Amino acid sequence: PLIAVGGAAYASAIKAGEYADTIGLMSEKTGLSVKQIQELKYVTNQLDVEFGAIQTSVTAFTNQLKASQDGTGFAADALKNLGIEMKNTDGTLRPINDIYLEAINKLSSMTNETERNITASSLFGKQFSELIPILNAGPGAIDELTKKANELGLVMGDKSIEGMRNFGRIVTGK
């Protein structure tokens, strides 16, 4: 039987469903895992970065990598300079989520800001500027903040997010 939901409980169910839908959709659009999206949401909140910057930067990054798939081009050169491999030892492309986070961490380690920004521009296009607060946070900041998000219980598993998305659809009728 259906349980009547009213007032604050209804509003909470709607919010939870919207949150889960945002996380799920961004995961689908970017190729980053649901876990990584939630962790990066916490990172962006802590570093005062617009959460949408993650999606735009991943999209730009993916486009740059596609253009450099053959190992040539600005993005390929930038990755080589950072010591990041685009391909696995068997020749297949590494997952975008691995390369993206590795690039962010390596860029955060660069001490020459001009060189860092040029390299970031080669990887993310003009969208790199949205990531500057994350890059300025320094090496290890993302790892530290993602660990904190997990410790605080802010990161849910795939099944939990999907369940919340489905529940939100049921409650809203969408």
C-alpha atoms as a PDB file:
ATOM      1  CA  PRO A   1       0.000   0.000   0.000  1.00  0.00           C
ATOM      2  CA  LEU A   2       1.066   3.562  -0.634  1.00  0.00           C
ATOM      3  CA  ILE A   3       1.851   5.675   2.368  1.00  0.00           C
ATOM      4  CA  ALA A   4       0.624   9.237   2.337  1.00  0.00           C
ATOM      5  CA  VAL A   5       3.550  11.622   2.279  1.00  0.00           C
ATOM      6  CA  GLY A   6       2.981  15.224   3.168  1.00  0.00           C
ATOM      7  CA  GLY A   7       4.726  18.459   3.989  1.00  0.00           C
ATOM      8  CA  ALA A   8       8.366  18.221   4.947  1.00  0.00           C
ATOM      9  CA  ALA A   9       8.636  14.505   4.157  1.00  0.00           C
ATOM     10  CA  TYR A  10       7.357  15.108   0.630  1.00  0.00           C
ATOM     11  CA  ALA A  11       9.755  18.021   0.131  1.00  0.00           C
ATOM     12  CA  SER A  12      12.652  15.893   1.416  1.00  0.00           C
ATOM     13  CA  ALA A  13      11.749  13.064  -0.956  1.00  0.00           C
ATOM     14  CA  ILE A  14      11.647  15.497  -3.872  1.00  0.00           C
ATOM     15  CA  LYS A  15      15.038  16.991  -2.905  1.00  0.00           C
ATOM     16  CA  ALA A  16      16.618  13.559  -2.497  1.00  0.00           C
ATOM     17  CA  GLY A  17      15.306  12.462  -5.880  1.00  0.00           C
ATOM     18  CA  GLU A  18      16.534  15.671  -7.544  1.00  0.00           C
ATOM     19  CA  TYR A  19      19.968  15.289  -5.958  1.00  0.00           C
ATOM     20  CA  ALA A  20      20.252  11.677  -7.073  1.00  0.00           C
ATOM     21  CA  ASP A  21      19.046  12.575 -10.553  1.00  0.00           C
ATOM     22  CA  THR A  22      21.653  15.334 -10.837  1.00  0.00           C
ATOM     23  CA  ILE A  23      24.402  12.930  -9.767  1.00  0.00           C
ATOM     24  CA  GLY A  24      23.173  10.152 -12.055  1.00  0.00           C
ATOM     25  CA  LEU A  25      22.784  12.397 -15.091  1.00  0.00           C
ATOM     26  CA  MET A  26      26.205  13.964 -14.631  1.00  0.00           C
ATOM     27  CA  SER A  27      27.727  10.508 -14.340  1.00  0.00           C
ATOM     28  CA  GLU A  28      26.033   9.486 -17.588  1.00  0.00           C
ATOM     29  CA  LYS A  29      27.146  12.659 -19.382  1.00  0.00           C
ATOM     30  CA  THR A  30      30.756  12.682 -18.201  1.00  0.00           C
ATOM     31  CA  GLY A  31      31.694   9.028 -17.871  1.00  0.00           C
ATOM     32  CA  LEU A  32      32.808   9.653 -14.296  1.00  0.00           C
ATOM     33  CA  SER A  33      31.439   7.214 -11.735  1.00  0.00           C
ATOM     34  CA  VAL A  34      28.571   8.121  -9.429  1.00  0.00           C
ATOM     35  CA  LYS A  35      31.057   7.915  -6.558  1.00  0.00           C
ATOM     36  CA  GLN A  36      33.500  10.305  -8.260  1.00  0.00           C
ATOM     37  CA  ILE A  37      30.727  12.774  -9.088  1.00  0.00           C
ATOM     38  CA  GLN A  38      29.645  12.899  -5.442  1.00  0.00           C
ATOM     39  CA  GLU A  39      33.219  13.287  -4.273  1.00  0.00           C
ATOM     40  CA  LEU A  40      33.835  16.070  -6.788  1.00  0.00           C
ATOM     41  CA  LYS A  41      30.604  17.762  -5.711  1.00  0.00           C
ATOM     42  CA  TYR A  42      32.038  17.949  -2.206  1.00  0.00           C
ATOM     43  CA  VAL A  43      35.390  19.178  -3.547  1.00  0.00           C
ATOM     44  CA  THR A  44      33.730  21.940  -5.573  1.00  0.00           C
ATOM     45  CA  ASN A  45      31.604  23.000  -2.579  1.00  0.00           C
ATOM     46  CA  GLN A  46      34.654  23.206  -0.329  1.00  0.00           C
ATOM     47  CA  LEU A  47      36.741  25.128  -2.881  1.00  0.00           C
ATOM     48  CA  ASP A  48      33.935  27.453  -4.000  1.00  0.00           C
ATOM     49  CA  VAL A  49      33.837  26.154  -7.575  1.00  0.00           C
ATOM     50  CA  GLU A  50      30.616  25.919  -9.562  1.00  0.00           C
ATOM     51  CA  PHE A  51      29.686  22.214  -9.689  1.00  0.00           C
ATOM     52  CA  GLY A  52      28.784  22.529 -13.385  1.00  0.00           C
ATOM     53  CA  ALA A  53      32.454  23.274 -14.063  1.00  0.00           C
ATOM     54  CA  ILE A  54      33.144  19.572 -13.608  1.00  0.00           C
ATOM     55  CA  GLN A  55      30.794  18.619 -16.422  1.00  0.00           C
ATOM     56  CA  THR A  56      32.048  21.300 -18.802  1.00  0.00           C
ATOM     57  CA  SER A  57      35.693  20.529 -18.061  1.00  0.00           C
ATOM     58  CA  VAL A  58      35.224  16.762 -18.484  1.00  0.00           C
ATOM     59  CA  THR A  59      33.398  17.343 -21.775  1.00  0.00           C
ATOM     60  CA  ALA A  60      36.164  19.636 -23.041  1.00  0.00           C
ATOM     61  CA  PHE A  61      38.809  17.196 -21.794  1.00  0.00           C
ATOM     62  CA  THR A  62      37.113  14.292 -23.576  1.00  0.00           C
ATOM     63  CA  ASN A  63      36.960  16.292 -26.811  1.00  0.00           C
ATOM     64  CA  GLN A  64      40.650  17.174 -26.515  1.00  0.00           C
ATOM     65  CA  LEU A  65      41.547  13.526 -25.939  1.00  0.00           C
ATOM     66  CA  LYS A  66      39.488  12.405 -28.937  1.00  0.00           C
ATOM     67  CA  ALA A  67      41.427  14.830 -31.105  1.00  0.00           C
ATOM     68  CA  SER A  68      44.699  13.437 -29.742  1.00  0.00           C
ATOM     69  CA  GLN A  69      43.833   9.741 -29.777  1.00  0.00           C
ATOM     70  CA  ASP A  70      46.574   9.004 -32.257  1.00  0.00           C
ATOM     71  CA  GLY A  71      49.164  10.321 -29.807  1.00  0.00           C
ATOM     72  CA  THR A  72      49.646  13.689 -31.487  1.00  0.00           C
ATOM     73  CA  GLY A  73      48.204  17.108 -30.773  1.00  0.00           C
ATOM     74  CA  PHE A  74      48.116  19.578 -27.907  1.00  0.00           C
ATOM     75  CA  ALA A  75      46.399  17.262 -25.415  1.00  0.00           C
ATOM     76  CA  ALA A  76      48.722  14.348 -26.190  1.00  0.00           C
ATOM     77  CA  ASP A  77      51.755  16.607 -25.720  1.00  0.00           C
ATOM     78  CA  ALA A  78      50.336  18.002 -22.466  1.00  0.00           C
ATOM     79  CA  LEU A  79      49.708  14.509 -21.083  1.00  0.00           C
ATOM     80  CA  LYS A  80      53.212  13.409 -22.048  1.00  0.00           C
ATOM     81  CA  ASN A  81      54.649  16.461 -20.276  1.00  0.00           C
ATOM     82  CA  LEU A  82      52.676  15.512 -17.161  1.00  0.00           C
ATOM     83  CA  GLY A  83      53.823  11.894 -17.392  1.00  0.00           C
ATOM     84  CA  ILE A  84      50.295  10.596 -17.999  1.00  0.00           C
ATOM     85  CA  GLU A  85      49.605   7.721 -20.369  1.00  0.00           C
ATOM     86  CA  MET A  86      46.444   7.897 -22.465  1.00  0.00           C
ATOM     87  CA  LYS A  87      46.552   4.217 -23.300  1.00  0.00           C
ATOM     88  CA  ASN A  88      46.876   0.999 -21.354  1.00  0.00           C
ATOM     89  CA  THR A  89      49.764  -1.355 -22.076  1.00  0.00           C
ATOM     90  CA  ASP A  90      47.475  -3.331 -24.419  1.00  0.00           C
ATOM     91  CA  GLY A  91      46.871  -0.207 -26.533  1.00  0.00           C
ATOM     92  CA  THR A  92      43.309   0.477 -25.376  1.00  0.00           C
ATOM     93  CA  LEU A  93      42.367   3.908 -24.112  1.00  0.00           C
ATOM     94  CA  ARG A  94      42.348   4.331 -20.346  1.00  0.00           C
ATOM     95  CA  PRO A  95      39.020   5.306 -18.749  1.00  0.00           C
ATOM     96  CA  ILE A  96      38.341   9.042 -18.894  1.00  0.00           C
ATOM     97  CA  ASN A  97      37.745   9.191 -15.143  1.00  0.00           C
ATOM     98  CA  ASP A  98      41.249   7.900 -14.419  1.00  0.00           C
ATOM     99  CA  ILE A  99      42.980  10.248 -16.852  1.00  0.00           C
ATOM    100  CA  TYR A 100      40.888  13.284 -15.790  1.00  0.00           C
ATOM    101  CA  LEU A 101      41.623  12.955 -12.078  1.00  0.00           C
ATOM    102  CA  GLU A 102      45.278  12.148 -12.696  1.00  0.00           C
ATOM    103  CA  ALA A 103      45.588  15.269 -14.861  1.00  0.00           C
ATOM    104  CA  ILE A 104      43.958  17.461 -12.216  1.00  0.00           C
ATOM    105  CA  ASN A 105      46.290  16.103  -9.538  1.00  0.00           C
ATOM    106  CA  LYS A 106      49.412  16.504 -11.691  1.00  0.00           C
ATOM    107  CA  LEU A 107      48.424  20.048 -12.682  1.00  0.00           C
ATOM    108  CA  SER A 108      47.903  20.881  -8.992  1.00  0.00           C
ATOM    109  CA  SER A 109      51.512  19.842  -8.365  1.00  0.00           C
ATOM    110  CA  MET A 110      52.995  22.251 -10.888  1.00  0.00           C
ATOM    111  CA  THR A 111      54.796  25.168  -9.257  1.00  0.00           C
ATOM    112  CA  ASN A 112      55.050  27.382 -12.339  1.00  0.00           C
ATOM    113  CA  GLU A 113      51.542  28.823 -12.627  1.00  0.00           C
ATOM    114  CA  THR A 114      52.017  30.043 -16.210  1.00  0.00           C
ATOM    115  CA  GLU A 115      53.231  26.646 -17.388  1.00  0.00           C
ATOM    116  CA  ARG A 116      50.404  24.979 -15.466  1.00  0.00           C
ATOM    117  CA  ASN A 117      47.769  27.197 -17.067  1.00  0.00           C
ATOM    118  CA  ILE A 118      49.149  26.633 -20.575  1.00  0.00           C
ATOM    119  CA  THR A 119      49.137  22.873 -19.992  1.00  0.00           C
ATOM    120  CA  ALA A 120      45.635  23.003 -18.480  1.00  0.00           C
ATOM    121  CA  SER A 121      44.425  25.012 -21.461  1.00  0.00           C
ATOM    122  CA  SER A 122      45.762  22.319 -23.780  1.00  0.00           C
ATOM    123  CA  LEU A 123      43.764  19.707 -21.873  1.00  0.00           C
ATOM    124  CA  PHE A 124      40.548  21.554 -21.011  1.00  0.00           C
ATOM    125  CA  GLY A 125      40.370  24.387 -23.515  1.00  0.00           C
ATOM    126  CA  LYS A 126      39.080  27.663 -22.136  1.00  0.00           C
ATOM    127  CA  GLN A 127      37.139  25.757 -19.464  1.00  0.00           C
ATOM    128  CA  PHE A 128      40.373  25.284 -17.515  1.00  0.00           C
ATOM    129  CA  SER A 129      39.862  28.686 -15.887  1.00  0.00           C
ATOM    130  CA  GLU A 130      36.824  27.328 -14.015  1.00  0.00           C
ATOM    131  CA  LEU A 131      39.120  24.766 -12.374  1.00  0.00           C
ATOM    132  CA  ILE A 132      41.772  27.218 -11.155  1.00  0.00           C
ATOM    133  CA  PRO A 133      40.598  27.153  -7.504  1.00  0.00           C
ATOM    134  CA  ILE A 134      40.940  23.353  -7.540  1.00  0.00           C
ATOM    135  CA  LEU A 135      44.380  23.567  -9.151  1.00  0.00           C
ATOM    136  CA  ASN A 136      45.425  26.256  -6.663  1.00  0.00           C
ATOM    137  CA  ALA A 137      44.420  24.023  -3.749  1.00  0.00           C
ATOM    138  CA  GLY A 138      47.593  22.095  -4.433  1.00  0.00           C
ATOM    139  CA  PRO A 139      48.635  18.491  -4.725  1.00  0.00           C
ATOM    140  CA  GLY A 140      46.655  16.081  -2.613  1.00  0.00           C
ATOM    141  CA  ALA A 141      43.784  18.501  -1.997  1.00  0.00           C
ATOM    142  CA  ILE A 142      41.340  16.476  -4.089  1.00  0.00           C
ATOM    143  CA  ASP A 143      42.428  13.236  -2.425  1.00  0.00           C
ATOM    144  CA  GLU A 144      42.110  14.801   1.019  1.00  0.00           C
ATOM    145  CA  LEU A 145      38.678  16.286   0.311  1.00  0.00           C
ATOM    146  CA  THR A 146      37.318  13.131  -1.332  1.00  0.00           C
ATOM    147  CA  LYS A 147      38.496  11.140   1.684  1.00  0.00           C
ATOM    148  CA  LYS A 148      36.696  13.624   3.939  1.00  0.00           C
ATOM    149  CA  ALA A 149      33.481  13.341   1.881  1.00  0.00           C
ATOM    150  CA  ASN A 150      33.571   9.572   2.335  1.00  0.00           C
ATOM    151  CA  GLU A 151      34.334   9.851   6.059  1.00  0.00           C
ATOM    152  CA  LEU A 152      31.346  12.177   6.488  1.00  0.00           C
ATOM    153  CA  GLY A 153      29.080   9.664   4.749  1.00  0.00           C
ATOM    154  CA  LEU A 154      28.307  12.031   1.872  1.00  0.00           C
ATOM    155  CA  VAL A 155      29.084   9.499  -0.844  1.00  0.00           C
ATOM    156  CA  MET A 156      26.456   6.896  -1.668  1.00  0.00           C
ATOM    157  CA  GLY A 157      26.803   3.801  -3.795  1.00  0.00           C
ATOM    158  CA  ASP A 158      25.370   3.295  -7.262  1.00  0.00           C
ATOM    159  CA  LYS A 159      22.383   1.323  -5.952  1.00  0.00           C
ATOM    160  CA  SER A 160      21.490   3.999  -3.411  1.00  0.00           C
ATOM    161  CA  ILE A 161      21.622   6.768  -6.011  1.00  0.00           C
ATOM    162  CA  GLU A 162      19.560   4.738  -8.477  1.00  0.00           C
ATOM    163  CA  GLY A 163      17.032   3.919  -5.744  1.00  0.00           C
ATOM    164  CA  MET A 164      16.714   7.599  -4.843  1.00  0.00           C
ATOM    165  CA  ARG A 165      16.288   8.497  -8.520  1.00  0.00           C
ATOM    166  CA  ASN A 166      13.521   5.925  -8.888  1.00  0.00           C
ATOM    167  CA  PHE A 167      11.846   7.005  -5.661  1.00  0.00           C
ATOM    168  CA  GLY A 168      11.948  10.628  -6.808  1.00  0.00           C
ATOM    169  CA  ARG A 169      10.305   9.635 -10.092  1.00  0.00           C
ATOM    170  CA  ILE A 170       7.572   7.758  -8.243  1.00  0.00           C
ATOM    171  CA  VAL A 171       6.898  10.655  -5.847  1.00  0.00           C
ATOM    172  CA  THR A 172       6.814  13.265  -8.618  1.00  0.00           C
ATOM    173  CA  GLY A 173       5.160  11.055 -11.209  1.00  0.00           C
ATOM    174  CA  LYS A 174       7.914  11.873 -13.739  1.00  0.00           C
END
